[in-house]
Amino acid sequence: MPESLKHKPRDVPTVKGTKPAKRQKTKDTPHTSGQMPMTQQNLTLANWMHIYSFVDSHPSVAQTQIVQHFNSLKTNAPLFEQSTLSCKLWERPKMEAHIDDNPTTLSSKRPHVVTSPAVELALIHWVQHMEARGETATGPMLLEKCRRFEEESYRKGKTPW
């Protein structure tokens, strides 16, 4: 038979109901040869102050080496990248000023922004009054009281922002 009239090779017919055998996957091999991404971790202001003190005590060390140092710590290692460190070094004066204004914010992960100082002050006085009476203020109570203070200041013609 001439070459042009031959059929292309076909798969061997299988018995109905059976599927071709799948290749076994090994659990040890990664799906990709790339590096696994780090899990994102939002660091507290106290963590950044610790990193800043390390940067101050080692002025000649490059940022990449600083990141490697903290990522290699065995316990409580703050995980971050060089780009994050660079951004946070630019924000350092603002972060230190914020800590000087509010020393209790060291455990927070982002600065507390006050849009209405009058409402903030009224809430502080209200919470102090509640604590003096032996009661505790919960989150929903604070939100409701904040809404009422803002409505009251809006009715009086004082815009909170």
N, C-alpha and C. Protein backbone atom coordinates (compact mmCIF):
# COMPACT_ATOMS: atom_id res chain seq x y z
N MET A 1 0.83 -1.17 0.00
CA MET A 1 0.00 0.00 0.00
C MET A 1 0.88 1.23 0.00
N PRO A 2 0.48 2.24 -0.75
CA PRO A 2 1.30 3.45 -0.75
C PRO A 2 1.22 4.14 0.60
N GLU A 3 2.23 4.91 0.91
CA GLU A 3 2.34 5.59 2.21
C GLU A 3 1.18 6.55 2.45
N SER A 4 0.66 7.22 1.46
CA SER A 4 -0.38 8.24 1.65
C SER A 4 -1.72 7.63 2.01
N LEU A 5 -1.98 6.36 1.71
CA LEU A 5 -3.27 5.76 1.99
C LEU A 5 -3.33 5.05 3.35
N LYS A 6 -2.28 5.03 4.08
CA LYS A 6 -2.28 4.38 5.38
C LYS A 6 -3.02 5.25 6.39
N HIS A 7 -3.71 4.58 7.30
CA HIS A 7 -4.39 5.29 8.39
C HIS A 7 -3.38 5.64 9.47
N LYS A 8 -3.70 6.69 10.19
CA LYS A 8 -2.82 7.03 11.31
C LYS A 8 -3.01 6.01 12.43
N PRO A 9 -2.00 5.78 13.22
CA PRO A 9 -2.12 4.77 14.27
C PRO A 9 -3.17 5.18 15.30
N ARG A 10 -3.93 4.22 15.76
CA ARG A 10 -5.00 4.48 16.73
C ARG A 10 -4.70 3.75 18.03
N ASP A 11 -5.35 4.24 19.10
CA ASP A 11 -5.18 3.60 20.40
C ASP A 11 -5.83 2.22 20.38
N VAL A 12 -5.30 1.36 21.19
CA VAL A 12 -5.85 0.02 21.31
C VAL A 12 -7.18 0.14 22.02
N PRO A 13 -8.24 -0.47 21.51
CA PRO A 13 -9.54 -0.36 22.17
C PRO A 13 -9.49 -0.99 23.56
N THR A 14 -10.19 -0.34 24.49
CA THR A 14 -10.23 -0.84 25.86
C THR A 14 -11.58 -1.46 26.15
N VAL A 15 -11.63 -2.23 27.18
CA VAL A 15 -12.87 -2.85 27.59
C VAL A 15 -13.74 -1.77 28.21
N LYS A 16 -15.04 -1.80 27.93
CA LYS A 16 -15.94 -0.78 28.45
C LYS A 16 -15.92 -0.78 29.97
N GLY A 17 -15.94 0.43 30.54
CA GLY A 17 -15.99 0.56 31.99
C GLY A 17 -14.63 0.67 32.65
N THR A 18 -13.56 0.44 31.93
CA THR A 18 -12.24 0.58 32.54
C THR A 18 -11.60 1.87 32.05
N LYS A 19 -10.86 2.47 32.92
CA LYS A 19 -10.18 3.72 32.58
C LYS A 19 -8.69 3.43 32.46
N PRO A 20 -8.00 4.21 31.65
CA PRO A 20 -6.56 4.01 31.57
C PRO A 20 -5.92 4.34 32.91
N ALA A 21 -4.85 3.66 33.21
CA ALA A 21 -4.16 3.84 34.49
C ALA A 21 -3.54 5.24 34.55
N LYS A 22 -3.75 5.92 35.68
CA LYS A 22 -3.18 7.25 35.87
C LYS A 22 -1.78 7.11 36.44
N ARG A 23 -0.98 8.10 36.14
CA ARG A 23 0.38 8.11 36.64
C ARG A 23 0.36 8.42 38.14
N GLN A 24 1.13 7.71 38.89
CA GLN A 24 1.20 7.91 40.33
C GLN A 24 1.94 9.20 40.65
N LYS A 25 1.38 10.01 41.55
CA LYS A 25 2.05 11.24 41.99
C LYS A 25 2.78 10.95 43.30
N THR A 26 3.96 11.47 43.39
CA THR A 26 4.68 11.33 44.65
C THR A 26 4.43 12.57 45.48
N LYS A 27 4.31 12.40 46.76
CA LYS A 27 3.96 13.51 47.64
C LYS A 27 5.15 14.37 48.00
N ASP A 28 6.34 13.89 47.74
CA ASP A 28 7.53 14.63 48.13
C ASP A 28 7.94 15.68 47.11
N THR A 29 7.54 15.52 45.88
CA THR A 29 8.01 16.44 44.85
C THR A 29 7.12 17.67 44.79
N PRO A 30 7.71 18.84 44.65
CA PRO A 30 6.90 20.05 44.54
C PRO A 30 6.28 20.17 43.15
N HIS A 31 5.22 20.94 43.05
CA HIS A 31 4.58 21.17 41.76
C HIS A 31 5.40 22.09 40.88
N THR A 32 6.24 22.90 41.50
CA THR A 32 7.03 23.86 40.75
C THR A 32 8.44 23.88 41.29
N SER A 33 9.34 24.35 40.48
CA SER A 33 10.72 24.45 40.95
C SER A 33 10.97 25.79 41.64
N GLY A 34 9.99 26.70 41.58
CA GLY A 34 10.14 28.00 42.24
C GLY A 34 10.08 27.88 43.74
N GLN A 35 10.45 28.94 44.42
CA GLN A 35 10.43 28.93 45.87
C GLN A 35 9.01 29.13 46.37
N MET A 36 8.73 28.51 47.48
CA MET A 36 7.41 28.67 48.09
C MET A 36 7.29 30.09 48.64
N PRO A 37 6.13 30.73 48.44
CA PRO A 37 5.99 32.09 48.95
C PRO A 37 5.89 32.09 50.48
N MET A 38 6.38 33.18 51.08
CA MET A 38 6.27 33.32 52.53
C MET A 38 4.83 33.67 52.89
N THR A 39 4.40 33.22 54.03
CA THR A 39 3.08 33.63 54.48
C THR A 39 3.18 35.07 54.95
N GLN A 40 2.16 35.84 54.61
CA GLN A 40 2.18 37.25 54.99
C GLN A 40 1.94 37.37 56.48
N GLN A 41 2.69 38.24 57.10
CA GLN A 41 2.57 38.43 58.53
C GLN A 41 2.59 39.93 58.80
N ASN A 42 1.51 40.45 59.36
CA ASN A 42 1.47 41.86 59.71
C ASN A 42 2.17 42.04 61.05
N LEU A 43 3.24 42.81 61.05
CA LEU A 43 4.03 42.98 62.26
C LEU A 43 3.47 44.12 63.10
N THR A 44 3.64 44.01 64.41
CA THR A 44 3.19 45.05 65.32
C THR A 44 4.22 46.16 65.36
N LEU A 45 3.83 47.28 65.96
CA LEU A 45 4.76 48.40 66.10
C LEU A 45 5.94 48.01 66.98
N ALA A 46 5.71 47.15 67.96
CA ALA A 46 6.81 46.69 68.81
C ALA A 46 7.82 45.89 68.00
N ASN A 47 7.34 45.06 67.07
CA ASN A 47 8.25 44.31 66.20
C ASN A 47 9.10 45.26 65.36
N TRP A 48 8.46 46.29 64.81
CA TRP A 48 9.21 47.23 63.96
C TRP A 48 10.21 48.03 64.79
N MET A 49 9.87 48.36 66.03
CA MET A 49 10.83 49.07 66.88
C MET A 49 12.03 48.18 67.18
N HIS A 50 11.80 46.88 67.36
CA HIS A 50 12.91 45.93 67.56
C HIS A 50 13.79 45.87 66.31
N ILE A 51 13.16 45.86 65.14
CA ILE A 51 13.92 45.83 63.88
C ILE A 51 14.71 47.13 63.72
N TYR A 52 14.09 48.27 64.07
CA TYR A 52 14.79 49.56 63.97
C TYR A 52 16.01 49.59 64.89
N SER A 53 15.88 49.03 66.09
CA SER A 53 17.03 49.03 67.00
C SER A 53 18.15 48.15 66.44
N PHE A 54 17.80 47.05 65.78
CA PHE A 54 18.82 46.21 65.15
C PHE A 54 19.49 46.96 64.01
N VAL A 55 18.71 47.71 63.22
CA VAL A 55 19.28 48.49 62.11
C VAL A 55 20.22 49.55 62.66
N ASP A 56 19.84 50.19 63.78
CA ASP A 56 20.70 51.22 64.38
C ASP A 56 22.00 50.63 64.92
N SER A 57 21.92 49.44 65.49
CA SER A 57 23.12 48.84 66.07
C SER A 57 24.04 48.21 65.01
N HIS A 58 23.53 48.00 63.80
CA HIS A 58 24.33 47.45 62.70
C HIS A 58 24.19 48.36 61.47
N PRO A 59 24.79 49.55 61.49
CA PRO A 59 24.58 50.50 60.39
C PRO A 59 25.20 50.07 59.06
N SER A 60 26.21 49.24 59.08
CA SER A 60 26.89 48.87 57.82
C SER A 60 26.29 47.63 57.15
N VAL A 61 25.27 47.03 57.76
CA VAL A 61 24.68 45.81 57.22
C VAL A 61 23.63 46.19 56.17
N ALA A 62 23.63 45.49 55.05
CA ALA A 62 22.67 45.75 53.97
C ALA A 62 21.27 45.28 54.38
N GLN A 63 20.26 45.86 53.72
CA GLN A 63 18.88 45.52 54.05
C GLN A 63 18.59 44.04 53.80
N THR A 64 19.14 43.49 52.74
CA THR A 64 18.89 42.07 52.46
C THR A 64 19.47 41.18 53.55
N GLN A 65 20.61 41.58 54.11
CA GLN A 65 21.20 40.79 55.19
C GLN A 65 20.38 40.93 56.47
N ILE A 66 19.79 42.09 56.69
CA ILE A 66 18.92 42.29 57.86
C ILE A 66 17.71 41.38 57.74
N VAL A 67 17.12 41.32 56.55
CA VAL A 67 15.96 40.45 56.33
C VAL A 67 16.34 39.00 56.55
N GLN A 68 17.50 38.59 56.04
CA GLN A 68 17.95 37.21 56.22
C GLN A 68 18.17 36.90 57.70
N HIS A 69 18.71 37.86 58.44
CA HIS A 69 18.94 37.65 59.87
C HIS A 69 17.62 37.37 60.59
N PHE A 70 16.61 38.21 60.36
CA PHE A 70 15.34 38.03 61.08
C PHE A 70 14.59 36.80 60.59
N ASN A 71 14.70 36.47 59.31
CA ASN A 71 14.02 35.27 58.80
C ASN A 71 14.67 33.99 59.29
N SER A 72 15.94 34.07 59.71
CA SER A 72 16.63 32.87 60.18
C SER A 72 16.46 32.63 61.67
N LEU A 73 15.81 33.53 62.38
CA LEU A 73 15.60 33.33 63.82
C LEU A 73 14.71 32.11 64.04
N LYS A 74 14.99 31.38 65.09
CA LYS A 74 14.26 30.14 65.36
C LYS A 74 12.89 30.38 65.98
N THR A 75 12.80 31.32 66.94
CA THR A 75 11.54 31.55 67.62
C THR A 75 11.09 32.98 67.41
N ASN A 76 9.79 33.16 67.24
CA ASN A 76 9.17 34.48 67.07
C ASN A 76 9.85 35.28 65.97
N ALA A 77 10.14 34.66 64.86
CA ALA A 77 10.81 35.34 63.76
C ALA A 77 9.81 36.19 62.99
N PRO A 78 10.02 37.51 62.94
CA PRO A 78 9.14 38.34 62.12
C PRO A 78 9.49 38.14 60.65
N LEU A 79 8.54 37.67 59.87
CA LEU A 79 8.79 37.40 58.46
C LEU A 79 8.42 38.63 57.63
N PHE A 80 9.38 39.15 56.89
CA PHE A 80 9.14 40.28 56.00
C PHE A 80 10.17 40.25 54.90
N GLU A 81 9.95 41.05 53.88
CA GLU A 81 10.85 41.09 52.73
C GLU A 81 11.62 42.40 52.72
N GLN A 82 12.60 42.47 51.84
CA GLN A 82 13.45 43.66 51.76
C GLN A 82 12.64 44.88 51.33
N SER A 83 11.68 44.71 50.43
CA SER A 83 10.88 45.84 49.98
C SER A 83 10.04 46.40 51.12
N THR A 84 9.53 45.53 51.98
CA THR A 84 8.76 45.97 53.14
C THR A 84 9.66 46.73 54.11
N LEU A 85 10.86 46.23 54.32
CA LEU A 85 11.80 46.91 55.21
C LEU A 85 12.13 48.30 54.67
N SER A 86 12.33 48.41 53.38
CA SER A 86 12.65 49.70 52.78
C SER A 86 11.51 50.70 53.00
N CYS A 87 10.27 50.25 52.77
CA CYS A 87 9.11 51.14 52.98
C CYS A 87 8.99 51.54 54.44
N LYS A 88 9.18 50.59 55.34
CA LYS A 88 9.03 50.88 56.77
C LYS A 88 10.14 51.78 57.28
N LEU A 89 11.32 51.72 56.67
CA LEU A 89 12.39 52.64 57.08
C LEU A 89 12.04 54.07 56.69
N TRP A 90 11.34 54.24 55.58
CA TRP A 90 10.88 55.58 55.21
C TRP A 90 9.80 56.08 56.17
N GLU A 91 8.95 55.17 56.66
CA GLU A 91 7.86 55.54 57.56
C GLU A 91 8.31 55.62 59.02
N ARG A 92 9.55 55.36 59.29
CA ARG A 92 10.04 55.29 60.67
C ARG A 92 9.74 56.54 61.48
N PRO A 93 10.00 57.77 61.00
CA PRO A 93 9.70 58.94 61.83
C PRO A 93 8.22 59.04 62.21
N LYS A 94 7.33 58.70 61.27
CA LYS A 94 5.90 58.75 61.58
C LYS A 94 5.53 57.70 62.62
N MET A 95 6.11 56.51 62.50
CA MET A 95 5.80 55.44 63.45
C MET A 95 6.31 55.78 64.85
N GLU A 96 7.51 56.35 64.93
CA GLU A 96 8.05 56.72 66.24
C GLU A 96 7.25 57.85 66.86
N ALA A 97 6.81 58.82 66.05
CA ALA A 97 5.98 59.91 66.57
C ALA A 97 4.65 59.36 67.07
N HIS A 98 4.09 58.40 66.35
CA HIS A 98 2.83 57.80 66.78
C HIS A 98 2.99 57.06 68.10
N ILE A 99 4.10 56.38 68.27
CA ILE A 99 4.35 55.67 69.53
C ILE A 99 4.57 56.65 70.67
N ASP A 100 5.24 57.79 70.38
CA ASP A 100 5.43 58.80 71.42
C ASP A 100 4.09 59.39 71.86
N ASP A 101 3.16 59.57 70.91
CA ASP A 101 1.84 60.10 71.24
C ASP A 101 1.00 59.08 72.00
N ASN A 102 1.06 57.83 71.59
CA ASN A 102 0.24 56.77 72.18
C ASN A 102 1.12 55.57 72.54
N PRO A 103 1.71 55.55 73.73
CA PRO A 103 2.62 54.45 74.08
C PRO A 103 1.94 53.09 74.17
N THR A 104 0.63 53.06 74.31
CA THR A 104 -0.07 51.77 74.44
C THR A 104 -0.31 51.11 73.10
N THR A 105 0.10 51.73 72.01
CA THR A 105 -0.17 51.17 70.69
C THR A 105 0.93 50.24 70.19
N LEU A 106 1.85 49.86 71.04
CA LEU A 106 2.94 48.99 70.59
C LEU A 106 2.44 47.64 70.11
N SER A 107 1.32 47.17 70.63
CA SER A 107 0.82 45.87 70.21
C SER A 107 -0.09 45.96 68.99
N SER A 108 -0.39 47.16 68.52
CA SER A 108 -1.27 47.29 67.35
C SER A 108 -0.49 47.09 66.07
N LYS A 109 -1.20 46.72 65.02
CA LYS A 109 -0.55 46.45 63.75
C LYS A 109 -0.65 47.61 62.78
N ARG A 110 -1.54 48.55 63.05
CA ARG A 110 -1.62 49.75 62.24
C ARG A 110 -2.05 50.90 63.12
N PRO A 111 -1.66 52.12 62.77
CA PRO A 111 -1.99 53.27 63.61
C PRO A 111 -3.49 53.52 63.67
N HIS A 112 -3.95 53.98 64.81
CA HIS A 112 -5.34 54.34 65.00
C HIS A 112 -5.55 55.75 64.46
N VAL A 113 -6.45 55.91 63.51
CA VAL A 113 -6.69 57.21 62.89
C VAL A 113 -7.96 57.79 63.47
N VAL A 114 -7.87 59.00 64.00
CA VAL A 114 -9.02 59.68 64.58
C VAL A 114 -9.50 60.72 63.58
N THR A 115 -10.73 60.55 63.10
CA THR A 115 -11.28 61.51 62.14
C THR A 115 -12.04 62.63 62.84
N SER A 116 -12.50 62.37 64.05
CA SER A 116 -13.25 63.37 64.79
C SER A 116 -12.73 63.41 66.23
N PRO A 117 -11.83 64.33 66.54
CA PRO A 117 -11.28 64.38 67.90
C PRO A 117 -12.34 64.65 68.97
N ALA A 118 -13.37 65.43 68.63
CA ALA A 118 -14.42 65.72 69.62
C ALA A 118 -15.18 64.45 69.99
N VAL A 119 -15.51 63.64 69.00
CA VAL A 119 -16.22 62.39 69.26
C VAL A 119 -15.30 61.43 70.02
N GLU A 120 -14.03 61.40 69.66
CA GLU A 120 -13.06 60.54 70.35
C GLU A 120 -12.97 60.92 71.83
N LEU A 121 -12.91 62.21 72.12
CA LEU A 121 -12.83 62.68 73.50
C LEU A 121 -14.11 62.34 74.26
N ALA A 122 -15.27 62.51 73.61
CA ALA A 122 -16.54 62.16 74.26
C ALA A 122 -16.60 60.67 74.57
N LEU A 123 -16.10 59.85 73.66
CA LEU A 123 -16.09 58.40 73.91
C LEU A 123 -15.16 58.04 75.06
N ILE A 124 -14.02 58.70 75.13
CA ILE A 124 -13.08 58.43 76.23
C ILE A 124 -13.72 58.76 77.57
N HIS A 125 -14.39 59.92 77.64
CA HIS A 125 -15.06 60.30 78.89
C HIS A 125 -16.19 59.32 79.23
N TRP A 126 -16.93 58.88 78.21
CA TRP A 126 -18.02 57.94 78.45
C TRP A 126 -17.49 56.61 78.97
N VAL A 127 -16.39 56.10 78.40
CA VAL A 127 -15.81 54.84 78.85
C VAL A 127 -15.29 54.98 80.28
N GLN A 128 -14.66 56.11 80.60
CA GLN A 128 -14.18 56.33 81.97
C GLN A 128 -15.34 56.37 82.95
N HIS A 129 -16.46 56.99 82.55
CA HIS A 129 -17.65 57.03 83.39
C HIS A 129 -18.21 55.62 83.61
N MET A 130 -18.22 54.82 82.54
CA MET A 130 -18.72 53.44 82.65
C MET A 130 -17.82 52.62 83.59
N GLU A 131 -16.50 52.79 83.48
CA GLU A 131 -15.58 52.05 84.33
C GLU A 131 -15.70 52.49 85.79
N ALA A 132 -15.98 53.77 86.02
CA ALA A 132 -16.17 54.26 87.39
C ALA A 132 -17.41 53.63 88.03
N ARG A 133 -18.42 53.34 87.21
CA ARG A 133 -19.63 52.70 87.71
C ARG A 133 -19.47 51.18 87.81
N GLY A 134 -18.32 50.67 87.37
CA GLY A 134 -18.08 49.23 87.46
C GLY A 134 -18.61 48.45 86.27
N GLU A 135 -18.98 49.13 85.20
CA GLU A 135 -19.49 48.46 84.01
C GLU A 135 -18.42 48.43 82.93
N THR A 136 -18.55 47.50 82.02
CA THR A 136 -17.60 47.42 80.92
C THR A 136 -18.28 47.82 79.63
N ALA A 137 -17.54 48.50 78.78
CA ALA A 137 -18.05 48.93 77.48
C ALA A 137 -17.59 47.92 76.43
N THR A 138 -18.52 47.40 75.65
CA THR A 138 -18.19 46.44 74.60
C THR A 138 -18.04 47.15 73.27
N GLY A 139 -17.56 46.44 72.28
CA GLY A 139 -17.38 47.01 70.94
C GLY A 139 -18.67 47.53 70.34
N PRO A 140 -19.76 46.74 70.33
CA PRO A 140 -21.02 47.24 69.79
C PRO A 140 -21.55 48.47 70.54
N MET A 141 -21.33 48.50 71.87
CA MET A 141 -21.77 49.67 72.64
C MET A 141 -21.00 50.91 72.20
N LEU A 142 -19.69 50.76 71.99
CA LEU A 142 -18.87 51.89 71.55
C LEU A 142 -19.30 52.38 70.17
N LEU A 143 -19.59 51.46 69.27
CA LEU A 143 -20.01 51.86 67.93
C LEU A 143 -21.33 52.62 67.97
N GLU A 144 -22.27 52.14 68.77
CA GLU A 144 -23.57 52.81 68.88
C GLU A 144 -23.41 54.19 69.51
N LYS A 145 -22.62 54.29 70.56
CA LYS A 145 -22.39 55.58 71.22
C LYS A 145 -21.68 56.54 70.27
N CYS A 146 -20.73 56.04 69.50
CA CYS A 146 -20.03 56.87 68.51
C CYS A 146 -21.02 57.41 67.49
N ARG A 147 -21.93 56.55 67.01
CA ARG A 147 -22.93 56.99 66.03
C ARG A 147 -23.82 58.08 66.62
N ARG A 148 -24.20 57.92 67.88
CA ARG A 148 -25.06 58.92 68.53
C ARG A 148 -24.31 60.25 68.72
N PHE A 149 -23.04 60.18 69.13
CA PHE A 149 -22.26 61.41 69.29
C PHE A 149 -22.10 62.14 67.95
N GLU A 150 -21.87 61.40 66.89
CA GLU A 150 -21.72 62.03 65.57
C GLU A 150 -23.03 62.65 65.11
N GLU A 151 -24.16 61.97 65.34
CA GLU A 151 -25.46 62.54 64.98
C GLU A 151 -25.73 63.81 65.78
N GLU A 152 -25.41 63.79 67.06
CA GLU A 152 -25.63 64.95 67.92
C GLU A 152 -24.77 66.13 67.47
N SER A 153 -23.51 65.88 67.15
CA SER A 153 -22.65 66.97 66.70
C SER A 153 -23.09 67.48 65.33
N TYR A 154 -23.65 66.60 64.50
CA TYR A 154 -24.14 67.03 63.19
C TYR A 154 -25.38 67.91 63.35
N ARG A 155 -26.28 67.55 64.32
CA ARG A 155 -27.48 68.35 64.56
C ARG A 155 -27.13 69.73 65.10
N LYS A 156 -26.06 69.81 65.88
CA LYS A 156 -25.65 71.10 66.44
C LYS A 156 -24.92 71.96 65.41
N GLY A 157 -24.67 71.41 64.24
CA GLY A 157 -24.01 72.18 63.20
C GLY A 157 -22.50 72.02 63.19
N LYS A 158 -21.98 71.21 64.07
CA LYS A 158 -20.54 70.97 64.10
C LYS A 158 -20.26 69.72 63.28
N THR A 159 -19.61 69.90 62.16
CA THR A 159 -19.26 68.72 61.38
C THR A 159 -18.04 68.07 62.01
N PRO A 160 -18.07 66.77 62.21
CA PRO A 160 -16.97 66.11 62.90
C PRO A 160 -15.67 66.09 62.10
N TRP A 161 -15.69 66.33 60.81
CA TRP A 161 -14.45 66.34 60.06
C TRP A 161 -14.38 67.46 59.12
